[in-house]
């Protein structure tokens, strides 16, 4: 490996892009791009685009997510976004193009895989490899994926939840559901509209989820003030939401997440299933940070569920580490 050889692990998520290099996260930005409506010119990318969310005139500037459910929905915008992020990490004047390992959801089509691969190369990568997201998450969480024993990992992302059973650097069983952090936000928005006749935006709902949200009733009830637009008068109004209300609001999408785990467990070979009962299920992804989510999923599946120490960054870390592991490089996704 040359002195100037940049090797990057990339978690290309629906909500956030994380880039890992040399044992650290060197970039974490929202997967958002602001475009002019008239000529689709890019105005802002990442955090500056997030700050415009819900605050700009929709007829003038649109803030879009170029990835939906973990796959590319807008190829050209994704390519421009990756070029911008690679530029931030590798410097604008790049004498040496980076080698990148990018995560893709398990089970995506060959067309979707090729789109990610091409976008990375067009954005300035010298070489681009792909790794299944659950495998990257397991490696990043420190699971011994190269051993014959079975491990199970669940990655709750922004747009998609994936559960997989792994052994010998291989995914034996996997399921995914189009449910994640954004669906939890939507559930909060719907609940507030239904109960209080108040409209709140996605950034507000996300803030509620992070600050007082939980998957199960907590011993300590928290509350926060929420501002929105009254649906009857059209005027701004403030309400107070409690943790108990947020728990109630999110029950349906949480049930869908539990269904993904059950679907994998129900088809896992008996020997591996017994390993999983002994070792437990490891949670990664931003959704793993929700209070009490491991308690909720333990209750729903009957199998102990634990949150990885570095849940939020596990996929990016795993992708980066896989680049330096010859045994794993043989197992990665071929385009």
Protein backbone atom coordinates (compact mmCIF):
# COMPACT_ATOMS: atom_id res chain seq x y z
CA UNK A 1 0.00 0.00 0.00
CA UNK A 2 1.55 3.27 -1.07
CA UNK A 3 2.01 6.26 1.16
CA UNK A 4 -0.51 8.25 -0.86
CA UNK A 5 -2.98 5.42 -1.37
CA UNK A 6 -6.27 6.45 0.13
CA UNK A 7 -8.48 3.51 1.09
CA UNK A 8 -11.98 4.53 2.08
CA UNK A 9 -14.88 2.58 3.56
CA UNK A 10 -18.17 4.20 2.53
CA UNK A 11 -21.56 3.69 4.16
CA UNK A 12 -23.83 5.01 1.42
CA UNK A 13 -27.06 5.40 3.36
CA UNK A 14 -30.51 6.82 2.64
CA UNK A 15 -30.12 9.41 5.42
CA UNK A 16 -26.35 9.74 6.00
CA UNK A 17 -23.09 9.07 4.17
CA UNK A 18 -20.18 8.04 6.40
CA UNK A 19 -16.60 7.63 5.20
CA UNK A 20 -13.96 5.71 7.18
CA UNK A 21 -10.20 5.92 6.75
CA UNK A 22 -7.27 4.85 8.93
CA UNK A 23 -9.34 3.69 11.89
CA UNK A 24 -11.50 6.80 12.06
CA UNK A 25 -14.63 8.35 10.57
CA UNK A 26 -13.41 11.22 8.38
CA UNK A 27 -16.81 12.32 7.04
CA UNK A 28 -20.41 12.10 8.24
CA UNK A 29 -22.90 14.11 6.21
CA UNK A 30 -26.64 13.94 5.46
CA UNK A 31 -27.54 12.29 2.13
CA UNK A 32 -29.30 15.44 0.96
CA UNK A 33 -28.86 17.66 -2.09
CA UNK A 34 -30.55 21.01 -2.73
CA UNK A 35 -31.40 21.67 -6.41
CA UNK A 36 -32.97 24.59 -8.24
CA UNK A 37 -36.36 23.50 -9.61
CA UNK A 38 -35.97 25.38 -12.89
CA UNK A 39 -32.70 23.94 -14.23
CA UNK A 40 -31.86 21.26 -11.60
CA UNK A 41 -28.60 22.99 -10.72
CA UNK A 42 -27.04 21.80 -7.45
CA UNK A 43 -27.07 24.52 -4.80
CA UNK A 44 -25.89 22.70 -1.66
CA UNK A 45 -24.83 19.18 -0.64
CA UNK A 46 -24.86 17.48 2.76
CA UNK A 47 -25.25 19.46 5.99
CA UNK A 48 -25.92 22.85 4.29
CA UNK A 49 -28.72 21.16 2.29
CA UNK A 50 -30.15 19.70 5.52
CA UNK A 51 -30.33 23.18 7.03
CA UNK A 52 -32.52 24.22 4.07
CA UNK A 53 -34.97 21.33 4.64
CA UNK A 54 -38.47 22.74 5.13
CA UNK A 55 -37.12 26.30 5.06
CA UNK A 56 -36.99 27.05 1.33
CA UNK A 57 -39.68 27.73 -1.25
CA UNK A 58 -40.48 24.37 -2.92
CA UNK A 59 -41.15 26.13 -6.20
CA UNK A 60 -37.65 27.58 -6.23
CA UNK A 61 -35.37 25.03 -4.50
CA UNK A 62 -35.99 21.35 -3.84
CA UNK A 63 -34.10 19.37 -1.17
CA UNK A 64 -33.96 15.74 -2.30
CA UNK A 65 -32.64 12.38 -1.10
CA UNK A 66 -30.80 10.86 -4.09
CA UNK A 67 -30.99 7.44 -2.42
CA UNK A 68 -34.27 5.74 -1.51
CA UNK A 69 -34.44 2.56 0.59
CA UNK A 70 -30.66 2.23 0.35
CA UNK A 71 -30.47 2.27 -3.46
CA UNK A 72 -29.76 5.04 -5.96
CA UNK A 73 -32.92 6.86 -7.05
CA UNK A 74 -31.15 9.72 -8.90
CA UNK A 75 -27.88 8.61 -10.49
CA UNK A 76 -26.50 12.00 -11.59
CA UNK A 77 -27.17 13.67 -8.25
CA UNK A 78 -25.66 10.70 -6.35
CA UNK A 79 -22.52 10.91 -8.50
CA UNK A 80 -22.19 14.67 -7.87
CA UNK A 81 -22.72 14.13 -4.14
CA UNK A 82 -20.06 11.39 -3.98
CA UNK A 83 -17.62 13.55 -5.95
CA UNK A 84 -18.19 16.36 -3.43
CA UNK A 85 -17.67 14.03 -0.43
CA UNK A 86 -14.59 12.32 -1.93
CA UNK A 87 -13.22 15.83 -2.59
CA UNK A 88 -13.70 16.78 1.06
CA UNK A 89 -11.83 13.67 2.21
CA UNK A 90 -9.14 13.39 -0.47
CA UNK A 91 -8.65 17.09 -1.23
CA UNK A 92 -9.80 18.99 -4.30
CA UNK A 93 -6.59 18.52 -6.27
CA UNK A 94 -6.28 14.76 -6.30
CA UNK A 95 -3.01 13.32 -7.53
CA UNK A 96 -4.01 9.92 -6.20
CA UNK A 97 -7.54 8.62 -6.60
CA UNK A 98 -8.96 6.72 -3.62
CA UNK A 99 -9.80 3.02 -3.57
CA UNK A 100 -13.26 2.68 -2.06
CA UNK A 101 -15.41 -0.08 -0.57
CA UNK A 102 -19.09 0.87 -0.62
CA UNK A 103 -21.91 -0.86 1.22
CA UNK A 104 -25.02 -2.00 -0.68
CA UNK A 105 -28.20 -3.53 0.78
CA UNK A 106 -28.29 -7.34 0.58
CA UNK A 107 -30.34 -8.60 -2.33
CA UNK A 108 -30.24 -5.49 -4.54
CA UNK A 109 -30.38 -6.17 -8.28
CA UNK A 110 -27.33 -6.34 -10.52
CA UNK A 111 -28.49 -3.08 -12.15
CA UNK A 112 -28.62 -1.34 -8.74
CA UNK A 113 -25.17 -2.68 -7.82
CA UNK A 114 -23.72 -1.51 -11.13
CA UNK A 115 -25.20 1.96 -10.58
CA UNK A 116 -23.36 2.29 -7.25
CA UNK A 117 -20.12 0.97 -8.76
CA UNK A 118 -20.29 3.32 -11.77
CA UNK A 119 -21.25 6.34 -9.63
CA UNK A 120 -18.20 5.76 -7.41
CA UNK A 121 -15.82 5.51 -10.38
CA UNK A 122 -17.34 8.57 -12.09
CA UNK A 123 -17.06 10.47 -8.79
CA UNK A 124 -13.29 9.97 -8.79
CA UNK A 125 -12.52 6.56 -7.27
CA UNK A 126 -9.59 4.64 -8.76
CA UNK A 127 -11.17 1.32 -7.87
CA UNK A 128 -14.58 0.62 -6.34
CA UNK A 129 -15.60 -2.56 -4.54
CA UNK A 130 -19.01 -3.38 -3.09
CA UNK A 131 -19.79 -5.16 0.18
CA UNK A 132 -23.14 -6.34 1.49
CA UNK A 133 -24.33 -3.97 4.22
CA UNK A 134 -25.01 -6.66 6.87
CA UNK A 135 -21.53 -8.16 6.35
CA UNK A 136 -19.94 -4.69 6.69
CA UNK A 137 -22.04 -4.03 9.82
CA UNK A 138 -20.96 -7.33 11.40
CA UNK A 139 -17.27 -6.68 10.68
CA UNK A 140 -17.55 -3.10 11.99
CA UNK A 141 -19.29 -4.32 15.16
CA UNK A 142 -16.38 -6.67 15.81
CA UNK A 143 -18.24 -9.96 15.29
CA UNK A 144 -16.03 -13.00 14.48
CA UNK A 145 -17.56 -13.43 11.02
CA UNK A 146 -14.73 -15.66 9.77
CA UNK A 147 -15.53 -18.51 12.22
CA UNK A 148 -17.94 -21.44 11.62
CA UNK A 149 -20.23 -20.28 14.47
CA UNK A 150 -23.35 -18.31 13.52
CA UNK A 151 -23.77 -14.62 14.26
CA UNK A 152 -26.80 -12.45 13.58
CA UNK A 153 -26.67 -8.74 12.87
CA UNK A 154 -29.53 -6.29 12.35
CA UNK A 155 -28.77 -2.95 10.69
CA UNK A 156 -31.54 -0.38 11.20
CA UNK A 157 -30.79 2.40 8.71
CA UNK A 158 -32.73 5.44 7.63
CA UNK A 159 -34.62 3.82 4.78
CA UNK A 160 -34.15 0.08 5.24
CA UNK A 161 -33.72 -2.53 8.00
CA UNK A 162 -31.63 -5.59 7.21
CA UNK A 163 -31.21 -8.72 9.31
CA UNK A 164 -28.67 -11.39 8.41
CA UNK A 165 -27.16 -14.58 9.79
CA UNK A 166 -23.44 -14.91 8.98
CA UNK A 167 -20.86 -17.66 9.20
CA UNK A 168 -17.44 -18.11 7.54
CA UNK A 169 -17.50 -14.59 6.00
CA UNK A 170 -20.74 -15.49 4.27
CA UNK A 171 -24.38 -14.43 4.61
CA UNK A 172 -26.46 -17.59 5.11
CA UNK A 173 -29.90 -16.00 5.59
CA UNK A 174 -30.99 -12.40 5.16
CA UNK A 175 -34.18 -10.37 4.99
CA UNK A 176 -34.79 -6.68 4.54
CA UNK A 177 -37.75 -4.40 5.05
CA UNK A 178 -38.36 -0.89 3.77
CA UNK A 179 -38.66 0.46 7.28
CA UNK A 180 -36.14 2.51 9.23
CA UNK A 181 -35.52 5.90 10.80
CA UNK A 182 -37.55 7.84 8.21
CA UNK A 183 -40.61 5.63 8.77
CA UNK A 184 -40.31 6.27 12.51
CA UNK A 185 -40.24 10.03 11.79
CA UNK A 186 -43.32 9.70 9.54
CA UNK A 187 -45.16 7.85 12.30
CA UNK A 188 -44.50 10.74 14.71
CA UNK A 189 -45.69 13.27 12.09
CA UNK A 190 -48.93 11.29 11.55
CA UNK A 191 -49.54 10.88 15.29
CA UNK A 192 -49.14 14.63 15.98
CA UNK A 193 -51.43 15.47 13.05
CA UNK A 194 -54.07 12.97 14.21
CA UNK A 195 -54.00 13.75 17.93
CA UNK A 196 -53.24 17.48 17.98
CA UNK A 197 -54.30 18.64 14.50
CA UNK A 198 -50.80 20.03 14.11
CA UNK A 199 -48.43 19.73 11.14
CA UNK A 200 -44.71 19.32 11.91
CA UNK A 201 -41.82 18.75 9.49
CA UNK A 202 -39.44 15.79 9.25
CA UNK A 203 -36.53 17.58 11.00
CA UNK A 204 -38.84 18.32 13.98
CA UNK A 205 -40.06 14.69 14.09
CA UNK A 206 -36.47 13.44 13.99
CA UNK A 207 -35.55 15.78 16.83
CA UNK A 208 -38.49 14.44 18.90
CA UNK A 209 -37.37 10.84 18.22
CA UNK A 210 -33.77 11.57 19.25
CA UNK A 211 -34.53 13.70 22.31
CA UNK A 212 -37.46 11.91 23.94
CA UNK A 213 -38.23 8.90 21.72
CA UNK A 214 -38.21 5.29 22.91
CA UNK A 215 -39.35 1.87 21.70
CA UNK A 216 -40.76 0.81 25.09
CA UNK A 217 -42.21 2.66 28.08
CA UNK A 218 -39.31 4.15 30.01
CA UNK A 219 -39.07 4.45 33.82
CA UNK A 220 -38.46 8.18 33.43
CA UNK A 221 -41.03 10.07 31.37
CA UNK A 222 -39.47 12.87 29.32
CA UNK A 223 -41.23 15.66 27.48
CA UNK A 224 -40.43 18.41 25.00
CA UNK A 225 -42.18 21.37 23.43
CA UNK A 226 -42.94 21.02 19.74
CA UNK A 227 -43.86 23.85 17.38
CA UNK A 228 -45.92 23.35 14.26
CA UNK A 229 -48.73 24.77 12.14
CA UNK A 230 -52.30 24.40 13.37
CA UNK A 231 -54.32 22.60 10.67
CA UNK A 232 -57.51 24.56 11.47
CA UNK A 233 -56.32 28.14 11.99
CA UNK A 234 -53.13 27.84 9.93
CA UNK A 235 -51.26 29.68 12.72
CA UNK A 236 -48.16 28.51 14.60
CA UNK A 237 -48.89 26.58 17.81
CA UNK A 238 -46.84 24.84 20.50
CA UNK A 239 -47.69 21.52 22.15
CA UNK A 240 -45.88 19.33 24.69
CA UNK A 241 -45.13 15.74 23.68
CA UNK A 242 -44.15 13.00 26.14
CA UNK A 243 -42.06 9.85 25.73
CA UNK A 244 -45.17 7.69 26.24
CA UNK A 245 -46.86 9.37 23.28
CA UNK A 246 -43.82 8.85 21.05
CA UNK A 247 -43.70 5.15 22.05
CA UNK A 248 -47.38 4.86 21.06
CA UNK A 249 -46.77 6.71 17.78
CA UNK A 250 -43.96 4.39 16.64
CA UNK A 251 -45.50 0.99 17.42
CA UNK A 252 -46.43 0.12 13.82
CA UNK A 253 -43.00 0.69 12.18
CA UNK A 254 -41.29 -0.95 15.18
CA UNK A 255 -43.52 -3.99 14.62
CA UNK A 256 -42.39 -4.06 10.98
CA UNK A 257 -38.73 -4.03 12.13
CA UNK A 258 -39.46 -6.96 14.48
CA UNK A 259 -41.06 -8.82 11.53
CA UNK A 260 -37.76 -8.58 9.59
CA UNK A 261 -35.93 -10.28 12.49
CA UNK A 262 -38.60 -12.97 12.83
CA UNK A 263 -38.46 -13.69 9.07
CA UNK A 264 -34.72 -14.44 9.29
CA UNK A 265 -34.94 -16.44 12.52
CA UNK A 266 -37.75 -18.62 11.13
CA UNK A 267 -35.57 -19.83 8.22
CA UNK A 268 -32.19 -20.12 9.99
CA UNK A 269 -30.70 -23.66 10.10
CA UNK A 270 -31.07 -25.18 13.61
CA UNK A 271 -27.34 -25.33 14.44
CA UNK A 272 -26.86 -21.68 13.59
CA UNK A 273 -30.09 -20.77 15.42
CA UNK A 274 -28.70 -22.32 18.60
CA UNK A 275 -25.49 -20.23 18.18
CA UNK A 276 -27.61 -17.08 17.85
CA UNK A 277 -29.60 -17.89 21.01
CA UNK A 278 -26.27 -18.30 22.86
CA UNK A 279 -24.58 -15.22 21.40
CA UNK A 280 -27.57 -12.93 20.92
CA UNK A 281 -28.39 -10.56 18.06
CA UNK A 282 -26.27 -7.45 17.49
CA UNK A 283 -27.93 -4.16 16.47
CA UNK A 284 -26.21 -1.58 14.28
CA UNK A 285 -27.25 1.52 12.33
CA UNK A 286 -28.68 4.84 13.46
CA UNK A 287 -31.98 3.20 14.43
CA UNK A 288 -30.12 1.11 17.04
CA UNK A 289 -29.64 4.31 19.08
CA UNK A 290 -33.38 4.57 19.84
CA UNK A 291 -33.88 4.13 23.58
CA UNK A 292 -35.12 0.68 24.54
CA UNK A 293 -35.08 -0.74 21.01
CA UNK A 294 -32.98 -3.74 22.11
CA UNK A 295 -35.46 -4.41 24.97
CA UNK A 296 -38.36 -4.22 22.53
CA UNK A 297 -36.76 -6.60 19.99
CA UNK A 298 -35.69 -9.05 22.74
CA UNK A 299 -39.33 -9.15 23.88
CA UNK A 300 -40.64 -9.61 20.31
CA UNK A 301 -38.21 -12.37 19.24
CA UNK A 302 -37.40 -14.16 22.50
CA UNK A 303 -33.67 -13.87 21.63
CA UNK A 304 -31.32 -11.51 23.52
CA UNK A 305 -30.61 -8.37 21.46
CA UNK A 306 -27.62 -6.07 22.12
CA UNK A 307 -26.59 -2.75 20.65
CA UNK A 308 -23.09 -2.61 19.13
CA UNK A 309 -20.78 -0.12 20.87
CA UNK A 310 -20.25 1.79 17.63
CA UNK A 311 -23.71 1.12 16.14
CA UNK A 312 -23.95 4.32 14.10
CA UNK A 313 -20.60 3.90 12.32
CA UNK A 314 -20.34 0.09 12.14
CA UNK A 315 -21.10 -0.23 8.39
CA UNK A 316 -18.48 2.37 7.36
CA UNK A 317 -15.89 0.83 9.72
CA UNK A 318 -16.60 -2.67 8.40
CA UNK A 319 -16.37 -1.54 4.78
CA UNK A 320 -13.01 0.14 5.47
CA UNK A 321 -11.60 -2.87 7.34
CA UNK A 322 -12.71 -5.28 4.61
CA UNK A 323 -10.47 -3.44 2.13
CA UNK A 324 -7.42 -4.55 4.12
CA UNK A 325 -8.49 -8.16 4.69
CA UNK A 326 -7.61 -10.57 1.82
CA UNK A 327 -10.03 -13.28 3.08
CA UNK A 328 -12.90 -10.79 3.01
CA UNK A 329 -11.88 -9.31 -0.33
CA UNK A 330 -12.54 -12.74 -1.86
CA UNK A 331 -16.07 -12.69 -0.43
CA UNK A 332 -17.15 -9.24 -1.53
CA UNK A 333 -19.86 -8.54 -4.05
CA UNK A 334 -18.87 -8.91 -7.66
CA UNK A 335 -20.37 -6.33 -10.00
